[in-house]
mmCIF file of all heavy atoms, coordinates in Angstrom:
data_MODEL
# 
_entry.id   MODEL 
# 
loop_
_atom_site.group_PDB 
_atom_site.id 
_atom_site.type_symbol 
_atom_site.label_atom_id 
_atom_site.label_alt_id 
_atom_site.label_comp_id 
_atom_site.label_asym_id 
_atom_site.label_entity_id 
_atom_site.label_seq_id 
_atom_site.pdbx_PDB_ins_code 
_atom_site.Cartn_x 
_atom_site.Cartn_y 
_atom_site.Cartn_z 
_atom_site.occupancy 
_atom_site.B_iso_or_equiv 
_atom_site.pdbx_formal_charge 
_atom_site.auth_seq_id 
_atom_site.auth_comp_id 
_atom_site.auth_asym_id 
_atom_site.auth_atom_id 
_atom_site.pdbx_PDB_model_num 
ATOM 1   N N   . GLY A 1 1  ? 106.270 108.735 114.369 1.00 0.00 ? 1  GLY A N   1 
ATOM 2   C CA  . GLY A 1 1  ? 107.216 108.994 115.438 1.00 0.00 ? 1  GLY A CA  1 
ATOM 3   C C   . GLY A 1 1  ? 106.765 108.523 116.798 1.00 0.00 ? 1  GLY A C   1 
ATOM 4   O O   . GLY A 1 1  ? 107.479 108.737 117.789 1.00 0.00 ? 1  GLY A O   1 
ATOM 5   N N   . GLY A 1 2  ? 105.600 107.919 116.867 1.00 0.00 ? 2  GLY A N   1 
ATOM 6   C CA  . GLY A 1 2  ? 105.055 107.462 118.128 1.00 0.00 ? 2  GLY A CA  1 
ATOM 7   C C   . GLY A 1 2  ? 104.491 108.552 119.021 1.00 0.00 ? 2  GLY A C   1 
ATOM 8   O O   . GLY A 1 2  ? 104.181 108.296 120.184 1.00 0.00 ? 2  GLY A O   1 
ATOM 9   N N   . GLU A 1 3  ? 104.345 109.758 118.455 1.00 0.00 ? 3  GLU A N   1 
ATOM 10  C CA  . GLU A 1 3  ? 103.929 110.920 119.243 1.00 0.00 ? 3  GLU A CA  1 
ATOM 11  C C   . GLU A 1 3  ? 102.429 110.943 119.513 1.00 0.00 ? 3  GLU A C   1 
ATOM 12  O O   . GLU A 1 3  ? 101.973 111.703 120.375 1.00 0.00 ? 3  GLU A O   1 
ATOM 13  C CB  . GLU A 1 3  ? 104.355 112.212 118.548 1.00 0.00 ? 3  GLU A CB  1 
ATOM 14  C CG  . GLU A 1 3  ? 103.618 112.541 117.247 1.00 0.00 ? 3  GLU A CG  1 
ATOM 15  C CD  . GLU A 1 3  ? 104.200 111.864 116.032 1.00 0.00 ? 3  GLU A CD  1 
ATOM 16  O OE1 . GLU A 1 3  ? 105.037 110.943 116.187 1.00 0.00 ? 3  GLU A OE1 1 
ATOM 17  O OE2 . GLU A 1 3  ? 103.816 112.243 114.919 1.00 0.00 ? 3  GLU A OE2 1 
ATOM 18  N N   . SER A 1 4  ? 101.669 110.166 118.773 1.00 0.00 ? 4  SER A N   1 
ATOM 19  C CA  . SER A 1 4  ? 100.228 110.155 118.929 1.00 0.00 ? 4  SER A CA  1 
ATOM 20  C C   . SER A 1 4  ? 99.678  108.764 118.686 1.00 0.00 ? 4  SER A C   1 
ATOM 21  O O   . SER A 1 4  ? 100.144 108.071 117.772 1.00 0.00 ? 4  SER A O   1 
ATOM 22  C CB  . SER A 1 4  ? 99.572  111.154 117.954 1.00 0.00 ? 4  SER A CB  1 
ATOM 23  O OG  . SER A 1 4  ? 98.174  111.174 118.093 1.00 0.00 ? 4  SER A OG  1 
ATOM 24  N N   . THR A 1 5  ? 98.719  108.366 119.502 1.00 0.00 ? 5  THR A N   1 
ATOM 25  C CA  . THR A 1 5  ? 98.102  107.060 119.356 1.00 0.00 ? 5  THR A CA  1 
ATOM 26  C C   . THR A 1 5  ? 96.592  107.187 119.440 1.00 0.00 ? 5  THR A C   1 
ATOM 27  O O   . THR A 1 5  ? 96.061  108.151 119.981 1.00 0.00 ? 5  THR A O   1 
ATOM 28  C CB  . THR A 1 5  ? 98.579  106.090 120.444 1.00 0.00 ? 5  THR A CB  1 
ATOM 29  O OG1 . THR A 1 5  ? 98.240  106.616 121.741 1.00 0.00 ? 5  THR A OG1 1 
ATOM 30  C CG2 . THR A 1 5  ? 100.072 105.887 120.378 1.00 0.00 ? 5  THR A CG2 1 
ATOM 31  N N   . SER A 1 6  ? 95.890  106.222 118.896 1.00 0.00 ? 6  SER A N   1 
ATOM 32  C CA  . SER A 1 6  ? 94.440  106.189 118.957 1.00 0.00 ? 6  SER A CA  1 
ATOM 33  C C   . SER A 1 6  ? 93.967  104.749 119.084 1.00 0.00 ? 6  SER A C   1 
ATOM 34  O O   . SER A 1 6  ? 94.686  103.814 118.680 1.00 0.00 ? 6  SER A O   1 
ATOM 35  C CB  . SER A 1 6  ? 93.808  106.879 117.745 1.00 0.00 ? 6  SER A CB  1 
ATOM 36  O OG  . SER A 1 6  ? 94.241  106.275 116.533 1.00 0.00 ? 6  SER A OG  1 
ATOM 37  N N   . TYR A 1 7  ? 92.755  104.573 119.637 1.00 0.00 ? 7  TYR A N   1 
ATOM 38  C CA  . TYR A 1 7  ? 92.245  103.253 119.923 1.00 0.00 ? 7  TYR A CA  1 
ATOM 39  C C   . TYR A 1 7  ? 90.748  103.154 119.633 1.00 0.00 ? 7  TYR A C   1 
ATOM 40  O O   . TYR A 1 7  ? 90.015  104.127 119.782 1.00 0.00 ? 7  TYR A O   1 
ATOM 41  C CB  . TYR A 1 7  ? 92.461  102.914 121.398 1.00 0.00 ? 7  TYR A CB  1 
ATOM 42  C CG  . TYR A 1 7  ? 93.909  102.920 121.821 1.00 0.00 ? 7  TYR A CG  1 
ATOM 43  C CD1 . TYR A 1 7  ? 94.497  104.088 122.276 1.00 0.00 ? 7  TYR A CD1 1 
ATOM 44  C CD2 . TYR A 1 7  ? 94.668  101.762 121.742 1.00 0.00 ? 7  TYR A CD2 1 
ATOM 45  C CE1 . TYR A 1 7  ? 95.825  104.096 122.672 1.00 0.00 ? 7  TYR A CE1 1 
ATOM 46  C CE2 . TYR A 1 7  ? 96.004  101.777 122.119 1.00 0.00 ? 7  TYR A CE2 1 
ATOM 47  C CZ  . TYR A 1 7  ? 96.579  102.939 122.581 1.00 0.00 ? 7  TYR A CZ  1 
ATOM 48  O OH  . TYR A 1 7  ? 97.900  102.938 122.945 1.00 0.00 ? 7  TYR A OH  1 
ATOM 49  N N   . ALA A 1 8  ? 90.330  101.952 119.281 1.00 0.00 ? 8  ALA A N   1 
ATOM 50  C CA  . ALA A 1 8  ? 88.912  101.685 119.206 1.00 0.00 ? 8  ALA A CA  1 
ATOM 51  C C   . ALA A 1 8  ? 88.335  101.718 120.617 1.00 0.00 ? 8  ALA A C   1 
ATOM 52  O O   . ALA A 1 8  ? 89.007  101.383 121.600 1.00 0.00 ? 8  ALA A O   1 
ATOM 53  C CB  . ALA A 1 8  ? 88.657  100.294 118.591 1.00 0.00 ? 8  ALA A CB  1 
ATOM 54  N N   . ASP A 1 9  ? 87.076  102.136 120.725 1.00 0.00 ? 9  ASP A N   1 
ATOM 55  C CA  . ASP A 1 9  ? 86.437  102.219 122.032 1.00 0.00 ? 9  ASP A CA  1 
ATOM 56  C C   . ASP A 1 9  ? 86.440  100.879 122.761 1.00 0.00 ? 9  ASP A C   1 
ATOM 57  O O   . ASP A 1 9  ? 86.544  100.838 123.990 1.00 0.00 ? 9  ASP A O   1 
ATOM 58  C CB  . ASP A 1 9  ? 84.999  102.715 121.896 1.00 0.00 ? 9  ASP A CB  1 
ATOM 59  C CG  . ASP A 1 9  ? 84.919  104.177 121.560 1.00 0.00 ? 9  ASP A CG  1 
ATOM 60  O OD1 . ASP A 1 9  ? 85.904  104.913 121.717 1.00 0.00 ? 9  ASP A OD1 1 
ATOM 61  O OD2 . ASP A 1 9  ? 83.831  104.613 121.119 1.00 0.00 ? 9  ASP A OD2 1 
ATOM 62  N N   . SER A 1 10 ? 86.383  99.794  122.026 1.00 0.00 ? 10 SER A N   1 
ATOM 63  C CA  . SER A 1 10 ? 86.304  98.468  122.625 1.00 0.00 ? 10 SER A CA  1 
ATOM 64  C C   . SER A 1 10 ? 87.572  98.061  123.353 1.00 0.00 ? 10 SER A C   1 
ATOM 65  O O   . SER A 1 10 ? 87.537  97.174  124.200 1.00 0.00 ? 10 SER A O   1 
ATOM 66  C CB  . SER A 1 10 ? 85.969  97.440  121.540 1.00 0.00 ? 10 SER A CB  1 
ATOM 67  O OG  . SER A 1 10 ? 86.946  97.433  120.523 1.00 0.00 ? 10 SER A OG  1 
ATOM 68  N N   . VAL A 1 11 ? 88.702  98.711  123.045 1.00 0.00 ? 11 VAL A N   1 
ATOM 69  C CA  . VAL A 1 11 ? 89.961  98.329  123.673 1.00 0.00 ? 11 VAL A CA  1 
ATOM 70  C C   . VAL A 1 11 ? 90.604  99.454  124.457 1.00 0.00 ? 11 VAL A C   1 
ATOM 71  O O   . VAL A 1 11 ? 91.610  99.246  125.140 1.00 0.00 ? 11 VAL A O   1 
ATOM 72  C CB  . VAL A 1 11 ? 90.981  97.815  122.630 1.00 0.00 ? 11 VAL A CB  1 
ATOM 73  C CG1 . VAL A 1 11 ? 90.376  96.685  121.809 1.00 0.00 ? 11 VAL A CG1 1 
ATOM 74  C CG2 . VAL A 1 11 ? 91.460  98.923  121.728 1.00 0.00 ? 11 VAL A CG2 1 
ATOM 75  N N   . LYS A 1 12 ? 90.031  100.634 124.396 1.00 0.00 ? 12 LYS A N   1 
ATOM 76  C CA  . LYS A 1 12 ? 90.607  101.808 125.062 1.00 0.00 ? 12 LYS A CA  1 
ATOM 77  C C   . LYS A 1 12 ? 90.726  101.556 126.569 1.00 0.00 ? 12 LYS A C   1 
ATOM 78  O O   . LYS A 1 12 ? 89.781  101.102 127.208 1.00 0.00 ? 12 LYS A O   1 
ATOM 79  C CB  . LYS A 1 12 ? 89.724  103.031 124.782 1.00 0.00 ? 12 LYS A CB  1 
ATOM 80  C CG  . LYS A 1 12 ? 90.390  104.359 125.085 1.00 0.00 ? 12 LYS A CG  1 
ATOM 81  C CD  . LYS A 1 12 ? 89.521  105.518 124.578 1.00 0.00 ? 12 LYS A CD  1 
ATOM 82  C CE  . LYS A 1 12 ? 89.357  105.456 123.061 1.00 0.00 ? 12 LYS A CE  1 
ATOM 83  N NZ  . LYS A 1 12 ? 88.522  106.586 122.562 1.00 0.00 ? 12 LYS A NZ  1 
ATOM 84  N N   . GLY A 1 13 ? 91.896  101.867 127.095 1.00 0.00 ? 13 GLY A N   1 
ATOM 85  C CA  . GLY A 1 13 ? 92.158  101.643 128.500 1.00 0.00 ? 13 GLY A CA  1 
ATOM 86  C C   . GLY A 1 13 ? 92.719  100.281 128.829 1.00 0.00 ? 13 GLY A C   1 
ATOM 87  O O   . GLY A 1 13 ? 93.215  100.073 129.940 1.00 0.00 ? 13 GLY A O   1 
ATOM 88  N N   . ARG A 1 14 ? 92.636  99.358  127.897 1.00 0.00 ? 14 ARG A N   1 
ATOM 89  C CA  . ARG A 1 14 ? 93.151  97.993  128.112 1.00 0.00 ? 14 ARG A CA  1 
ATOM 90  C C   . ARG A 1 14 ? 94.363  97.694  127.232 1.00 0.00 ? 14 ARG A C   1 
ATOM 91  O O   . ARG A 1 14 ? 95.243  96.953  127.651 1.00 0.00 ? 14 ARG A O   1 
ATOM 92  C CB  . ARG A 1 14 ? 92.048  96.973  127.819 1.00 0.00 ? 14 ARG A CB  1 
ATOM 93  C CG  . ARG A 1 14 ? 90.843  97.126  128.724 1.00 0.00 ? 14 ARG A CG  1 
ATOM 94  C CD  . ARG A 1 14 ? 89.866  95.968  128.533 1.00 0.00 ? 14 ARG A CD  1 
ATOM 95  N NE  . ARG A 1 14 ? 89.329  95.906  127.187 1.00 0.00 ? 14 ARG A NE  1 
ATOM 96  C CZ  . ARG A 1 14 ? 89.512  94.890  126.324 1.00 0.00 ? 14 ARG A CZ  1 
ATOM 97  N NH1 . ARG A 1 14 ? 90.196  93.820  126.711 1.00 0.00 ? 14 ARG A NH1 1 
ATOM 98  N NH2 . ARG A 1 14 ? 88.955  94.910  125.133 1.00 0.00 ? 14 ARG A NH2 1 
ATOM 99  N N   . PHE A 1 15 ? 94.369  98.240  126.025 1.00 0.00 ? 15 PHE A N   1 
ATOM 100 C CA  . PHE A 1 15 ? 95.443  97.979  125.069 1.00 0.00 ? 15 PHE A CA  1 
ATOM 101 C C   . PHE A 1 15 ? 96.342  99.220  124.956 1.00 0.00 ? 15 PHE A C   1 
ATOM 102 O O   . PHE A 1 15 ? 95.869  100.360 125.046 1.00 0.00 ? 15 PHE A O   1 
ATOM 103 C CB  . PHE A 1 15 ? 94.896  97.646  123.681 1.00 0.00 ? 15 PHE A CB  1 
ATOM 104 C CG  . PHE A 1 15 ? 94.203  96.332  123.557 1.00 0.00 ? 15 PHE A CG  1 
ATOM 105 C CD1 . PHE A 1 15 ? 93.881  95.553  124.659 1.00 0.00 ? 15 PHE A CD1 1 
ATOM 106 C CD2 . PHE A 1 15 ? 93.850  95.859  122.307 1.00 0.00 ? 15 PHE A CD2 1 
ATOM 107 C CE1 . PHE A 1 15 ? 93.227  94.338  124.535 1.00 0.00 ? 15 PHE A CE1 1 
ATOM 108 C CE2 . PHE A 1 15 ? 93.196  94.643  122.162 1.00 0.00 ? 15 PHE A CE2 1 
ATOM 109 C CZ  . PHE A 1 15 ? 92.886  93.896  123.272 1.00 0.00 ? 15 PHE A CZ  1 
ATOM 110 N N   . THR A 1 16 ? 97.614  98.981  124.670 1.00 0.00 ? 16 THR A N   1 
ATOM 111 C CA  . THR A 1 16 ? 98.553  100.063 124.433 1.00 0.00 ? 16 THR A CA  1 
ATOM 112 C C   . THR A 1 16 ? 99.415  99.735  123.221 1.00 0.00 ? 16 THR A C   1 
ATOM 113 O O   . THR A 1 16 ? 100.077 98.707  123.183 1.00 0.00 ? 16 THR A O   1 
ATOM 114 C CB  . THR A 1 16 ? 99.484  100.282 125.634 1.00 0.00 ? 16 THR A CB  1 
ATOM 115 O OG1 . THR A 1 16 ? 98.699  100.571 126.797 1.00 0.00 ? 16 THR A OG1 1 
ATOM 116 C CG2 . THR A 1 16 ? 100.419 101.463 125.366 1.00 0.00 ? 16 THR A CG2 1 
ATOM 117 N N   . ILE A 1 17 ? 99.376  100.614 122.227 1.00 0.00 ? 17 ILE A N   1 
ATOM 118 C CA  . ILE A 1 17 ? 100.220 100.458 121.042 1.00 0.00 ? 17 ILE A CA  1 
ATOM 119 C C   . ILE A 1 17 ? 101.502 101.240 121.236 1.00 0.00 ? 17 ILE A C   1 
ATOM 120 O O   . ILE A 1 17 ? 101.509 102.315 121.850 1.00 0.00 ? 17 ILE A O   1 
ATOM 121 C CB  . ILE A 1 17 ? 99.464  100.937 119.765 1.00 0.00 ? 17 ILE A CB  1 
ATOM 122 C CG1 . ILE A 1 17 ? 100.231 100.528 118.505 1.00 0.00 ? 17 ILE A CG1 1 
ATOM 123 C CG2 . ILE A 1 17 ? 99.196  102.432 119.803 1.00 0.00 ? 17 ILE A CG2 1 
ATOM 124 C CD1 . ILE A 1 17 ? 99.453  100.777 117.210 1.00 0.00 ? 17 ILE A CD1 1 
ATOM 125 N N   . SER A 1 18 ? 102.596 100.706 120.739 1.00 0.00 ? 18 SER A N   1 
ATOM 126 C CA  . SER A 1 18 ? 103.878 101.386 120.822 1.00 0.00 ? 18 SER A CA  1 
ATOM 127 C C   . SER A 1 18 ? 104.758 100.967 119.671 1.00 0.00 ? 18 SER A C   1 
ATOM 128 O O   . SER A 1 18 ? 104.433 100.025 118.933 1.00 0.00 ? 18 SER A O   1 
ATOM 129 C CB  . SER A 1 18 ? 104.571 101.104 122.163 1.00 0.00 ? 18 SER A CB  1 
ATOM 130 O OG  . SER A 1 18 ? 104.839 99.720  122.300 1.00 0.00 ? 18 SER A OG  1 
ATOM 131 N N   . ARG A 1 19 ? 105.872 101.660 119.491 1.00 0.00 ? 19 ARG A N   1 
ATOM 132 C CA  . ARG A 1 19 ? 106.808 101.298 118.438 1.00 0.00 ? 19 ARG A CA  1 
ATOM 133 C C   . ARG A 1 19 ? 108.216 101.677 118.839 1.00 0.00 ? 19 ARG A C   1 
ATOM 134 O O   . ARG A 1 19 ? 108.440 102.576 119.673 1.00 0.00 ? 19 ARG A O   1 
ATOM 135 C CB  . ARG A 1 19 ? 106.422 101.980 117.116 1.00 0.00 ? 19 ARG A CB  1 
ATOM 136 C CG  . ARG A 1 19 ? 106.537 103.492 117.135 1.00 0.00 ? 19 ARG A CG  1 
ATOM 137 C CD  . ARG A 1 19 ? 105.897 104.090 115.893 1.00 0.00 ? 19 ARG A CD  1 
ATOM 138 N NE  . ARG A 1 19 ? 106.588 103.730 114.674 1.00 0.00 ? 19 ARG A NE  1 
ATOM 139 C CZ  . ARG A 1 19 ? 106.053 103.810 113.458 1.00 0.00 ? 19 ARG A CZ  1 
ATOM 140 N NH1 . ARG A 1 19 ? 104.804 104.242 113.300 1.00 0.00 ? 19 ARG A NH1 1 
ATOM 141 N NH2 . ARG A 1 19 ? 106.771 103.460 112.388 1.00 0.00 ? 19 ARG A NH2 1 
ATOM 142 N N   . ASP A 1 20 ? 109.183 100.987 118.245 1.00 0.00 ? 20 ASP A N   1 
ATOM 143 C CA  . ASP A 1 20 ? 110.583 101.278 118.419 1.00 0.00 ? 20 ASP A CA  1 
ATOM 144 C C   . ASP A 1 20 ? 111.161 101.390 117.016 1.00 0.00 ? 20 ASP A C   1 
ATOM 145 O O   . ASP A 1 20 ? 111.429 100.395 116.368 1.00 0.00 ? 20 ASP A O   1 
ATOM 146 C CB  . ASP A 1 20 ? 111.270 100.159 119.207 1.00 0.00 ? 20 ASP A CB  1 
ATOM 147 C CG  . ASP A 1 20 ? 112.723 100.459 119.524 1.00 0.00 ? 20 ASP A CG  1 
ATOM 148 O OD1 . ASP A 1 20 ? 113.352 101.230 118.773 1.00 0.00 ? 20 ASP A OD1 1 
ATOM 149 O OD2 . ASP A 1 20 ? 113.231 99.939  120.537 1.00 0.00 ? 20 ASP A OD2 1 
ATOM 150 N N   . ASN A 1 21 ? 111.348 102.636 116.558 1.00 0.00 ? 21 ASN A N   1 
ATOM 151 C CA  . ASN A 1 21 ? 111.773 102.836 115.192 1.00 0.00 ? 21 ASN A CA  1 
ATOM 152 C C   . ASN A 1 21 ? 113.204 102.353 114.944 1.00 0.00 ? 21 ASN A C   1 
ATOM 153 O O   . ASN A 1 21 ? 113.533 101.939 113.831 1.00 0.00 ? 21 ASN A O   1 
ATOM 154 C CB  . ASN A 1 21 ? 111.625 104.308 114.812 1.00 0.00 ? 21 ASN A CB  1 
ATOM 155 C CG  . ASN A 1 21 ? 110.171 104.707 114.560 1.00 0.00 ? 21 ASN A CG  1 
ATOM 156 O OD1 . ASN A 1 21 ? 109.309 103.837 114.344 1.00 0.00 ? 21 ASN A OD1 1 
ATOM 157 N ND2 . ASN A 1 21 ? 109.895 105.983 114.577 1.00 0.00 ? 21 ASN A ND2 1 
ATOM 158 N N   . ALA A 1 22 ? 114.034 102.417 115.952 1.00 0.00 ? 22 ALA A N   1 
ATOM 159 C CA  . ALA A 1 22 ? 115.424 101.940 115.797 1.00 0.00 ? 22 ALA A CA  1 
ATOM 160 C C   . ALA A 1 22 ? 115.440 100.439 115.549 1.00 0.00 ? 22 ALA A C   1 
ATOM 161 O O   . ALA A 1 22 ? 116.275 99.936  114.807 1.00 0.00 ? 22 ALA A O   1 
ATOM 162 C CB  . ALA A 1 22 ? 116.233 102.294 117.014 1.00 0.00 ? 22 ALA A CB  1 
ATOM 163 N N   . LYS A 1 23 ? 114.516 99.719  116.179 1.00 0.00 ? 23 LYS A N   1 
ATOM 164 C CA  . LYS A 1 23 ? 114.448 98.271  116.007 1.00 0.00 ? 23 LYS A CA  1 
ATOM 165 C C   . LYS A 1 23 ? 113.469 97.861  114.927 1.00 0.00 ? 23 LYS A C   1 
ATOM 166 O O   . LYS A 1 23 ? 113.369 96.660  114.613 1.00 0.00 ? 23 LYS A O   1 
ATOM 167 C CB  . LYS A 1 23 ? 114.033 97.609  117.326 1.00 0.00 ? 23 LYS A CB  1 
ATOM 168 C CG  . LYS A 1 23 ? 115.034 97.781  118.441 1.00 0.00 ? 23 LYS A CG  1 
ATOM 169 C CD  . LYS A 1 23 ? 114.555 97.098  119.706 1.00 0.00 ? 23 LYS A CD  1 
ATOM 170 C CE  . LYS A 1 23 ? 115.566 97.229  120.829 1.00 0.00 ? 23 LYS A CE  1 
ATOM 171 N NZ  . LYS A 1 23 ? 115.086 96.590  122.081 1.00 0.00 ? 23 LYS A NZ  1 
ATOM 172 N N   . LYS A 1 24 ? 112.750 98.819  114.359 1.00 0.00 ? 24 LYS A N   1 
ATOM 173 C CA  . LYS A 1 24 ? 111.716 98.558  113.345 1.00 0.00 ? 24 LYS A CA  1 
ATOM 174 C C   . LYS A 1 24 ? 110.689 97.562  113.868 1.00 0.00 ? 24 LYS A C   1 
ATOM 175 O O   . LYS A 1 24 ? 110.331 96.578  113.220 1.00 0.00 ? 24 LYS A O   1 
ATOM 176 C CB  . LYS A 1 24 ? 112.351 98.076  112.032 1.00 0.00 ? 24 LYS A CB  1 
ATOM 177 C CG  . LYS A 1 24 ? 113.342 99.063  111.436 1.00 0.00 ? 24 LYS A CG  1 
ATOM 178 C CD  . LYS A 1 24 ? 113.912 98.596  110.126 1.00 0.00 ? 24 LYS A CD  1 
ATOM 179 C CE  . LYS A 1 24 ? 112.887 98.678  109.010 1.00 0.00 ? 24 LYS A CE  1 
ATOM 180 N NZ  . LYS A 1 24 ? 113.497 98.406  107.670 1.00 0.00 ? 24 LYS A NZ  1 
ATOM 181 N N   . MET A 1 25 ? 110.210 97.844  115.056 1.00 0.00 ? 25 MET A N   1 
ATOM 182 C CA  . MET A 1 25 ? 109.268 96.981  115.742 1.00 0.00 ? 25 MET A CA  1 
ATOM 183 C C   . MET A 1 25 ? 108.029 97.774  116.168 1.00 0.00 ? 25 MET A C   1 
ATOM 184 O O   . MET A 1 25 ? 108.129 98.939  116.580 1.00 0.00 ? 25 MET A O   1 
ATOM 185 C CB  . MET A 1 25 ? 109.884 96.336  116.964 1.00 0.00 ? 25 MET A CB  1 
ATOM 186 C CG  . MET A 1 25 ? 111.009 95.361  116.653 1.00 0.00 ? 25 MET A CG  1 
ATOM 187 S SD  . MET A 1 25 ? 110.423 93.813  115.905 1.00 0.00 ? 25 MET A SD  1 
ATOM 188 C CE  . MET A 1 25 ? 109.538 93.083  117.290 1.00 0.00 ? 25 MET A CE  1 
ATOM 189 N N   . GLN A 1 26 ? 106.880 97.118  116.089 1.00 0.00 ? 26 GLN A N   1 
ATOM 190 C CA  . GLN A 1 26 ? 105.623 97.646  116.589 1.00 0.00 ? 26 GLN A CA  1 
ATOM 191 C C   . GLN A 1 26 ? 105.082 96.658  117.610 1.00 0.00 ? 26 GLN A C   1 
ATOM 192 O O   . GLN A 1 26 ? 105.233 95.444  117.435 1.00 0.00 ? 26 GLN A O   1 
ATOM 193 C CB  . GLN A 1 26 ? 104.638 97.839  115.433 1.00 0.00 ? 26 GLN A CB  1 
ATOM 194 C CG  . GLN A 1 26 ? 103.272 98.373  115.847 1.00 0.00 ? 26 GLN A CG  1 
ATOM 195 C CD  . GLN A 1 26 ? 102.259 98.273  114.728 1.00 0.00 ? 26 GLN A CD  1 
ATOM 196 O OE1 . GLN A 1 26 ? 102.596 97.928  113.587 1.00 0.00 ? 26 GLN A OE1 1 
ATOM 197 N NE2 . GLN A 1 26 ? 101.009 98.577  115.025 1.00 0.00 ? 26 GLN A NE2 1 
# 
């Protein structure tokens, strides 16, 4: 549901993951 995200330490603070379930896109 996009309610929680996690990141590798190497990218934390620089990368952002997201999704749009209606569009079936990540």
